[in-house]
Amino acid sequence: MAFADPQSLKVGSATAVALPRTSSGVDNGAFRTNDGTLALRVSHAYGAKRNRRTIRIDSTKVAPDPFTGVNTQFSGSVYIVSDFPGGGYSIAEQKDLVNALTAYLTSDKVTQLLGGEN
């Protein structure tokens, strides 16, 4: 089963934006805004002993370079990777761990993380 087309993301206080599907493969899919500044990628990698599932947001923007003042394109990414053995954990158990992490990442915790705290 595939993610719905389009996907929607709300970044900060901005209005949610639509990301139409731009590609679909056996173990991956991609969505991107029409202006290309925001993308969502989903992928799965199945190994001999472990399976990795990734969901990722990529952002690009043009802003003044802090050293030269010249407008430059910058990019950044945020992603979650689950890495589990092929057996031993049910989908429900994996989901519980992902949900625990996303619930833990309150605004204050994210600020601490991005500020370099440990």
C-alpha atoms as a PDB file:
ATOM      1  CA  MET A   1       0.000   0.000   0.000  1.00  0.00           C
ATOM      2  CA  ALA A   2       1.300   3.467  -0.866  1.00  0.00           C
ATOM      3  CA  PHE A   3       1.087   6.809   0.881  1.00  0.00           C
ATOM      4  CA  ALA A   4      -1.766   8.956  -0.438  1.00  0.00           C
ATOM      5  CA  ASP A   5      -1.126  11.468  -3.192  1.00  0.00           C
ATOM      6  CA  PRO A   6      -0.695  14.323  -2.406  1.00  0.00           C
ATOM      7  CA  GLN A   7       0.858  14.522   1.047  1.00  0.00           C
ATOM      8  CA  SER A   8       0.566  17.669   3.181  1.00  0.00           C
ATOM      9  CA  LEU A   9       3.107  19.298   5.506  1.00  0.00           C
ATOM     10  CA  LYS A  10       2.808  22.298   7.807  1.00  0.00           C
ATOM     11  CA  VAL A  11       6.161  23.884   8.655  1.00  0.00           C
ATOM     12  CA  GLY A  12       6.120  26.290  11.588  1.00  0.00           C
ATOM     13  CA  SER A  13       3.213  28.689  11.553  1.00  0.00           C
ATOM     14  CA  ALA A  14       2.875  28.575   7.764  1.00  0.00           C
ATOM     15  CA  THR A  15      -0.195  27.173   6.054  1.00  0.00           C
ATOM     16  CA  ALA A  16      -0.010  23.476   5.179  1.00  0.00           C
ATOM     17  CA  VAL A  17       1.353  22.867   1.687  1.00  0.00           C
ATOM     18  CA  ALA A  18       0.566  20.055  -0.737  1.00  0.00           C
ATOM     19  CA  LEU A  19       3.347  17.774  -1.910  1.00  0.00           C
ATOM     20  CA  PRO A  20       2.288  15.839  -5.018  1.00  0.00           C
ATOM     21  CA  ARG A  21       3.933  12.482  -5.644  1.00  0.00           C
ATOM     22  CA  THR A  22       6.980  12.838  -7.891  1.00  0.00           C
ATOM     23  CA  SER A  23       8.187   9.241  -7.939  1.00  0.00           C
ATOM     24  CA  SER A  24       7.197   5.777  -6.833  1.00  0.00           C
ATOM     25  CA  GLY A  25       9.289   2.641  -6.748  1.00  0.00           C
ATOM     26  CA  VAL A  26       9.168  -0.811  -5.251  1.00  0.00           C
ATOM     27  CA  ASP A  27      10.554   0.329  -1.881  1.00  0.00           C
ATOM     28  CA  ASN A  28      10.414   4.119  -2.111  1.00  0.00           C
ATOM     29  CA  GLY A  29       8.264   7.117  -2.871  1.00  0.00           C
ATOM     30  CA  ALA A  30       8.857  10.840  -3.133  1.00  0.00           C
ATOM     31  CA  PHE A  31       6.694  13.942  -2.862  1.00  0.00           C
ATOM     32  CA  ARG A  32       7.682  17.557  -3.584  1.00  0.00           C
ATOM     33  CA  THR A  33       6.084  20.999  -3.556  1.00  0.00           C
ATOM     34  CA  ASN A  34       5.588  22.591  -6.951  1.00  0.00           C
ATOM     35  CA  ASP A  35       8.359  25.117  -6.241  1.00  0.00           C
ATOM     36  CA  GLY A  36      10.750  22.347  -5.092  1.00  0.00           C
ATOM     37  CA  THR A  37      11.515  23.907  -1.721  1.00  0.00           C
ATOM     38  CA  LEU A  38      10.059  21.071   0.368  1.00  0.00           C
ATOM     39  CA  ALA A  39      10.245  17.334  -0.235  1.00  0.00           C
ATOM     40  CA  LEU A  40       9.120  14.201   1.593  1.00  0.00           C
ATOM     41  CA  ARG A  41      10.767  10.853   0.920  1.00  0.00           C
ATOM     42  CA  VAL A  42       9.825   7.407   2.187  1.00  0.00           C
ATOM     43  CA  SER A  43      12.089   4.393   1.709  1.00  0.00           C
ATOM     44  CA  HIS A  44      12.580   0.826   2.867  1.00  0.00           C
ATOM     45  CA  ALA A  45      15.754  -1.269   2.782  1.00  0.00           C
ATOM     46  CA  TYR A  46      15.559  -4.980   3.493  1.00  0.00           C
ATOM     47  CA  GLY A  47      18.795  -6.660   4.540  1.00  0.00           C
ATOM     48  CA  ALA A  48      19.690 -10.224   5.385  1.00  0.00           C
ATOM     49  CA  LYS A  49      19.227  -9.565   9.095  1.00  0.00           C
ATOM     50  CA  ARG A  50      17.791  -6.059   9.484  1.00  0.00           C
ATOM     51  CA  ASN A  51      15.164  -3.858   7.860  1.00  0.00           C
ATOM     52  CA  ARG A  52      15.472  -0.073   7.704  1.00  0.00           C
ATOM     53  CA  ARG A  53      12.556   2.251   7.086  1.00  0.00           C
ATOM     54  CA  THR A  54      13.129   5.972   6.588  1.00  0.00           C
ATOM     55  CA  ILE A  55      10.857   8.980   6.324  1.00  0.00           C
ATOM     56  CA  ARG A  56      12.606  12.229   5.507  1.00  0.00           C
ATOM     57  CA  ILE A  57      11.836  15.900   4.918  1.00  0.00           C
ATOM     58  CA  ASP A  58      14.242  17.981   2.811  1.00  0.00           C
ATOM     59  CA  SER A  59      14.063  21.773   2.677  1.00  0.00           C
ATOM     60  CA  THR A  60      15.837  24.287   0.456  1.00  0.00           C
ATOM     61  CA  LYS A  61      15.821  28.057   0.707  1.00  0.00           C
ATOM     62  CA  VAL A  62      17.664  31.089  -0.589  1.00  0.00           C
ATOM     63  CA  ALA A  63      19.106  33.404   2.056  1.00  0.00           C
ATOM     64  CA  PRO A  64      22.055  35.764   2.432  1.00  0.00           C
ATOM     65  CA  ASP A  65      25.331  33.941   3.036  1.00  0.00           C
ATOM     66  CA  PRO A  66      26.424  34.937   6.570  1.00  0.00           C
ATOM     67  CA  PHE A  67      29.989  35.595   5.371  1.00  0.00           C
ATOM     68  CA  THR A  68      29.484  37.282   1.991  1.00  0.00           C
ATOM     69  CA  GLY A  69      25.922  38.595   2.116  1.00  0.00           C
ATOM     70  CA  VAL A  70      25.327  37.079  -1.331  1.00  0.00           C
ATOM     71  CA  ASN A  71      22.035  35.208  -1.715  1.00  0.00           C
ATOM     72  CA  THR A  72      22.863  31.508  -1.655  1.00  0.00           C
ATOM     73  CA  GLN A  73      20.827  28.323  -1.732  1.00  0.00           C
ATOM     74  CA  PHE A  74      20.887  26.390   1.548  1.00  0.00           C
ATOM     75  CA  SER A  75      19.410  22.978   2.318  1.00  0.00           C
ATOM     76  CA  GLY A  76      18.569  20.948   5.403  1.00  0.00           C
ATOM     77  CA  SER A  77      16.997  17.600   6.233  1.00  0.00           C
ATOM     78  CA  VAL A  78      15.213  15.899   9.101  1.00  0.00           C
ATOM     79  CA  TYR A  79      14.505  12.199   9.143  1.00  0.00           C
ATOM     80  CA  ILE A  80      13.498   9.244  11.260  1.00  0.00           C
ATOM     81  CA  VAL A  81      14.998   5.817  10.650  1.00  0.00           C
ATOM     82  CA  SER A  82      13.690   2.635  12.182  1.00  0.00           C
ATOM     83  CA  ASP A  83      16.168  -0.259  12.192  1.00  0.00           C
ATOM     84  CA  PHE A  84      14.875  -3.620  13.366  1.00  0.00           C
ATOM     85  CA  PRO A  85      15.684  -7.271  12.770  1.00  0.00           C
ATOM     86  CA  GLY A  86      13.435  -9.155  10.362  1.00  0.00           C
ATOM     87  CA  GLY A  87      11.828 -10.948  13.317  1.00  0.00           C
ATOM     88  CA  GLY A  88      11.421 -10.520  17.047  1.00  0.00           C
ATOM     89  CA  TYR A  89       9.504  -7.226  17.008  1.00  0.00           C
ATOM     90  CA  SER A  90       5.942  -6.997  15.791  1.00  0.00           C
ATOM     91  CA  ILE A  91       4.828  -3.992  13.727  1.00  0.00           C
ATOM     92  CA  ALA A  92       2.822  -2.877  16.787  1.00  0.00           C
ATOM     93  CA  GLU A  93       5.956  -2.984  18.994  1.00  0.00           C
ATOM     94  CA  GLN A  94       7.960  -1.042  16.401  1.00  0.00           C
ATOM     95  CA  LYS A  95       5.149   1.509  16.131  1.00  0.00           C
ATOM     96  CA  ASP A  96       5.072   1.901  19.933  1.00  0.00           C
ATOM     97  CA  LEU A  97       8.780   2.791  19.933  1.00  0.00           C
ATOM     98  CA  VAL A  98       8.395   5.292  17.076  1.00  0.00           C
ATOM     99  CA  ASN A  99       5.403   6.846  18.851  1.00  0.00           C
ATOM    100  CA  ALA A 100       7.396   7.042  22.109  1.00  0.00           C
ATOM    101  CA  LEU A 101      10.192   8.941  20.366  1.00  0.00           C
ATOM    102  CA  THR A 102       7.912  11.358  18.527  1.00  0.00           C
ATOM    103  CA  ALA A 103       5.937  12.039  21.742  1.00  0.00           C
ATOM    104  CA  TYR A 104       9.205  12.639  23.623  1.00  0.00           C
ATOM    105  CA  LEU A 105      10.312  15.245  21.079  1.00  0.00           C
ATOM    106  CA  THR A 106       8.407  18.182  22.527  1.00  0.00           C
ATOM    107  CA  SER A 107       9.302  21.674  21.356  1.00  0.00           C
ATOM    108  CA  ASP A 108      11.647  22.116  24.334  1.00  0.00           C
ATOM    109  CA  LYS A 109      13.429  18.801  23.681  1.00  0.00           C
ATOM    110  CA  VAL A 110      13.890  19.660  19.988  1.00  0.00           C
ATOM    111  CA  THR A 111      15.340  23.059  20.975  1.00  0.00           C
ATOM    112  CA  GLN A 112      17.793  21.306  23.300  1.00  0.00           C
ATOM    113  CA  LEU A 113      18.753  18.816  20.576  1.00  0.00           C
ATOM    114  CA  LEU A 114      19.286  21.497  17.917  1.00  0.00           C
ATOM    115  CA  GLY A 115      21.222  23.585  20.439  1.00  0.00           C
ATOM    116  CA  GLY A 116      23.748  20.765  20.807  1.00  0.00           C
ATOM    117  CA  GLU A 117      22.754  19.620  24.298  1.00  0.00           C
ATOM    118  CA  ASN A 118      23.085  15.965  25.285  1.00  0.00           C
END
